[in-house]
């Protein structure tokens, strides 16, 4: 059964907030310290993108993005599921970063279309 637009919005924000929390966690940060500088920088920039996307989505009215949420529902649900699975193993920094970037790309289409 397909999620309603408000449920898709809720799923998206919950996933982004969980991602932010995971990337700010002690476990992720300590693991990240052992990575090369380029990887640390990429993760930091991605974390910033997560925060900006959360703020943008919170500022948008559901009515403004309803059709875009519905049009991207399958990708949002699959991306959220994949990202949630990756966040369960924060020591796999590259996998967390890749899944986060992929999910942000889906969400960015929705936020960009509403602007």
C-alpha atoms as a PDB file:
ATOM      1  CA  UNK A   1       0.000   0.000   0.000  1.00  0.00           C
ATOM      2  CA  UNK A   2       1.366   3.373  -1.003  1.00  0.00           C
ATOM      3  CA  UNK A   3       2.128   5.931   1.662  1.00  0.00           C
ATOM      4  CA  UNK A   4       0.070   9.114   1.808  1.00  0.00           C
ATOM      5  CA  UNK A   5       1.921  12.352   0.995  1.00  0.00           C
ATOM      6  CA  UNK A   6       2.111  13.385   4.657  1.00  0.00           C
ATOM      7  CA  UNK A   7       3.559   9.952   5.489  1.00  0.00           C
ATOM      8  CA  UNK A   8       6.167  10.337   2.742  1.00  0.00           C
ATOM      9  CA  UNK A   9       7.127  13.742   4.094  1.00  0.00           C
ATOM     10  CA  UNK A  10       7.344  12.299   7.599  1.00  0.00           C
ATOM     11  CA  UNK A  11       9.424   9.340   6.390  1.00  0.00           C
ATOM     12  CA  UNK A  12      11.786  11.665   4.549  1.00  0.00           C
ATOM     13  CA  UNK A  13      12.314  13.971   7.520  1.00  0.00           C
ATOM     14  CA  UNK A  14      12.694  11.074   9.966  1.00  0.00           C
ATOM     15  CA  UNK A  15      15.278   9.460   7.694  1.00  0.00           C
ATOM     16  CA  UNK A  16      17.227  12.696   7.343  1.00  0.00           C
ATOM     17  CA  UNK A  17      17.141  13.335  11.090  1.00  0.00           C
ATOM     18  CA  UNK A  18      18.309   9.769  11.812  1.00  0.00           C
ATOM     19  CA  UNK A  19      21.101  10.259   9.283  1.00  0.00           C
ATOM     20  CA  UNK A  20      22.170  13.496  10.949  1.00  0.00           C
ATOM     21  CA  UNK A  21      22.152  11.798  14.359  1.00  0.00           C
ATOM     22  CA  UNK A  22      24.142   8.837  13.037  1.00  0.00           C
ATOM     23  CA  UNK A  23      26.730  11.018  11.353  1.00  0.00           C
ATOM     24  CA  UNK A  24      27.113  13.083  14.529  1.00  0.00           C
ATOM     25  CA  UNK A  25      27.402  10.003  16.736  1.00  0.00           C
ATOM     26  CA  UNK A  26      30.593   9.244  18.599  1.00  0.00           C
ATOM     27  CA  UNK A  27      30.946   5.924  16.773  1.00  0.00           C
ATOM     28  CA  UNK A  28      30.794   7.521  13.318  1.00  0.00           C
ATOM     29  CA  UNK A  29      33.013  10.433  14.268  1.00  0.00           C
ATOM     30  CA  UNK A  30      35.689   8.210  15.811  1.00  0.00           C
ATOM     31  CA  UNK A  31      35.670   5.946  12.770  1.00  0.00           C
ATOM     32  CA  UNK A  32      35.846   8.974  10.507  1.00  0.00           C
ATOM     33  CA  UNK A  33      38.984  10.203  12.306  1.00  0.00           C
ATOM     34  CA  UNK A  34      40.814   7.150  10.978  1.00  0.00           C
ATOM     35  CA  UNK A  35      39.882   7.909   7.365  1.00  0.00           C
ATOM     36  CA  UNK A  36      41.861  10.003   4.866  1.00  0.00           C
ATOM     37  CA  UNK A  37      41.324  13.768   4.871  1.00  0.00           C
ATOM     38  CA  UNK A  38      39.395  13.686   1.594  1.00  0.00           C
ATOM     39  CA  UNK A  39      36.908  11.188   2.999  1.00  0.00           C
ATOM     40  CA  UNK A  40      36.496  13.215   6.205  1.00  0.00           C
ATOM     41  CA  UNK A  41      35.879  16.359   4.161  1.00  0.00           C
ATOM     42  CA  UNK A  42      33.309  14.616   1.957  1.00  0.00           C
ATOM     43  CA  UNK A  43      31.449  13.338   5.021  1.00  0.00           C
ATOM     44  CA  UNK A  44      31.474  16.792   6.626  1.00  0.00           C
ATOM     45  CA  UNK A  45      30.103  18.425   3.486  1.00  0.00           C
ATOM     46  CA  UNK A  46      27.434  15.754   3.203  1.00  0.00           C
ATOM     47  CA  UNK A  47      26.410  16.281   6.826  1.00  0.00           C
ATOM     48  CA  UNK A  48      26.019  19.971   6.050  1.00  0.00           C
ATOM     49  CA  UNK A  49      23.840  19.067   3.050  1.00  0.00           C
ATOM     50  CA  UNK A  50      21.683  16.861   5.283  1.00  0.00           C
ATOM     51  CA  UNK A  51      21.131  19.750   7.701  1.00  0.00           C
ATOM     52  CA  UNK A  52      20.294  22.234   4.924  1.00  0.00           C
ATOM     53  CA  UNK A  53      17.866  19.760   3.356  1.00  0.00           C
ATOM     54  CA  UNK A  54      16.116  19.227   6.695  1.00  0.00           C
ATOM     55  CA  UNK A  55      15.712  22.974   7.112  1.00  0.00           C
ATOM     56  CA  UNK A  56      14.393  23.386   3.559  1.00  0.00           C
ATOM     57  CA  UNK A  57      11.860  20.583   3.906  1.00  0.00           C
ATOM     58  CA  UNK A  58      10.658  21.870   7.271  1.00  0.00           C
ATOM     59  CA  UNK A  59      10.052  25.279   5.704  1.00  0.00           C
ATOM     60  CA  UNK A  60       8.045  23.911   2.766  1.00  0.00           C
ATOM     61  CA  UNK A  61       4.308  23.481   2.963  1.00  0.00           C
ATOM     62  CA  UNK A  62       3.118  19.938   2.291  1.00  0.00           C
ATOM     63  CA  UNK A  63       0.750  21.248  -0.378  1.00  0.00           C
ATOM     64  CA  UNK A  64       3.711  22.662  -2.321  1.00  0.00           C
ATOM     65  CA  UNK A  65       5.488  19.310  -2.547  1.00  0.00           C
ATOM     66  CA  UNK A  66       2.588  16.840  -2.442  1.00  0.00           C
ATOM     67  CA  UNK A  67       2.695  15.870  -6.130  1.00  0.00           C
ATOM     68  CA  UNK A  68       6.487  15.594  -6.106  1.00  0.00           C
ATOM     69  CA  UNK A  69       6.393  13.357  -3.033  1.00  0.00           C
ATOM     70  CA  UNK A  70       3.854  11.078  -4.696  1.00  0.00           C
ATOM     71  CA  UNK A  71       5.812  11.022  -7.976  1.00  0.00           C
ATOM     72  CA  UNK A  72       8.990   9.995  -6.131  1.00  0.00           C
ATOM     73  CA  UNK A  73       7.337   7.761  -3.530  1.00  0.00           C
ATOM     74  CA  UNK A  74       8.958   4.487  -4.593  1.00  0.00           C
ATOM     75  CA  UNK A  75      12.438   5.999  -4.692  1.00  0.00           C
ATOM     76  CA  UNK A  76      11.930   7.772  -1.352  1.00  0.00           C
ATOM     77  CA  UNK A  77      10.767   4.589   0.349  1.00  0.00           C
ATOM     78  CA  UNK A  78      13.557   2.464  -1.138  1.00  0.00           C
ATOM     79  CA  UNK A  79      16.182   5.108  -0.391  1.00  0.00           C
ATOM     80  CA  UNK A  80      14.988   5.499   3.194  1.00  0.00           C
ATOM     81  CA  UNK A  81      15.070   1.726   3.701  1.00  0.00           C
ATOM     82  CA  UNK A  82      18.581   1.445   2.248  1.00  0.00           C
ATOM     83  CA  UNK A  83      19.887   4.365   4.283  1.00  0.00           C
ATOM     84  CA  UNK A  84      18.358   3.010   7.488  1.00  0.00           C
ATOM     85  CA  UNK A  85      20.145  -0.294   6.886  1.00  0.00           C
ATOM     86  CA  UNK A  86      23.459   1.477   6.283  1.00  0.00           C
ATOM     87  CA  UNK A  87      23.066   3.552   9.458  1.00  0.00           C
ATOM     88  CA  UNK A  88      22.968   0.340  11.482  1.00  0.00           C
ATOM     89  CA  UNK A  89      26.692  -0.106  10.791  1.00  0.00           C
ATOM     90  CA  UNK A  90      28.222   3.341  11.218  1.00  0.00           C
ATOM     91  CA  UNK A  91      31.754   1.997  10.963  1.00  0.00           C
ATOM     92  CA  UNK A  92      31.180   1.501   7.229  1.00  0.00           C
ATOM     93  CA  UNK A  93      31.744   5.197   6.538  1.00  0.00           C
ATOM     94  CA  UNK A  94      31.864   4.927   2.746  1.00  0.00           C
ATOM     95  CA  UNK A  95      28.582   3.000   2.616  1.00  0.00           C
ATOM     96  CA  UNK A  96      26.856   5.492   4.931  1.00  0.00           C
ATOM     97  CA  UNK A  97      28.155   8.422   2.886  1.00  0.00           C
ATOM     98  CA  UNK A  98      27.120   6.832  -0.426  1.00  0.00           C
ATOM     99  CA  UNK A  99      23.615   5.955   0.785  1.00  0.00           C
ATOM    100  CA  UNK A 100      23.192   9.425   2.275  1.00  0.00           C
ATOM    101  CA  UNK A 101      24.257  11.103  -0.955  1.00  0.00           C
ATOM    102  CA  UNK A 102      21.865   8.926  -2.940  1.00  0.00           C
ATOM    103  CA  UNK A 103      18.941   9.721  -0.623  1.00  0.00           C
ATOM    104  CA  UNK A 104      19.753  13.442  -0.674  1.00  0.00           C
ATOM    105  CA  UNK A 105      19.690  13.378  -4.484  1.00  0.00           C
ATOM    106  CA  UNK A 106      16.118  12.056  -4.406  1.00  0.00           C
ATOM    107  CA  UNK A 107      15.005  14.588  -1.790  1.00  0.00           C
ATOM    108  CA  UNK A 108      16.748  17.425  -3.617  1.00  0.00           C
ATOM    109  CA  UNK A 109      14.558  16.837  -6.664  1.00  0.00           C
ATOM    110  CA  UNK A 110      11.463  17.374  -4.525  1.00  0.00           C
ATOM    111  CA  UNK A 111      12.785  20.470  -2.749  1.00  0.00           C
ATOM    112  CA  UNK A 112      14.080  21.945  -6.027  1.00  0.00           C
ATOM    113  CA  UNK A 113      10.761  21.425  -7.784  1.00  0.00           C
ATOM    114  CA  UNK A 114       8.946  23.249  -4.997  1.00  0.00           C
ATOM    115  CA  UNK A 115      11.241  26.277  -5.147  1.00  0.00           C
END
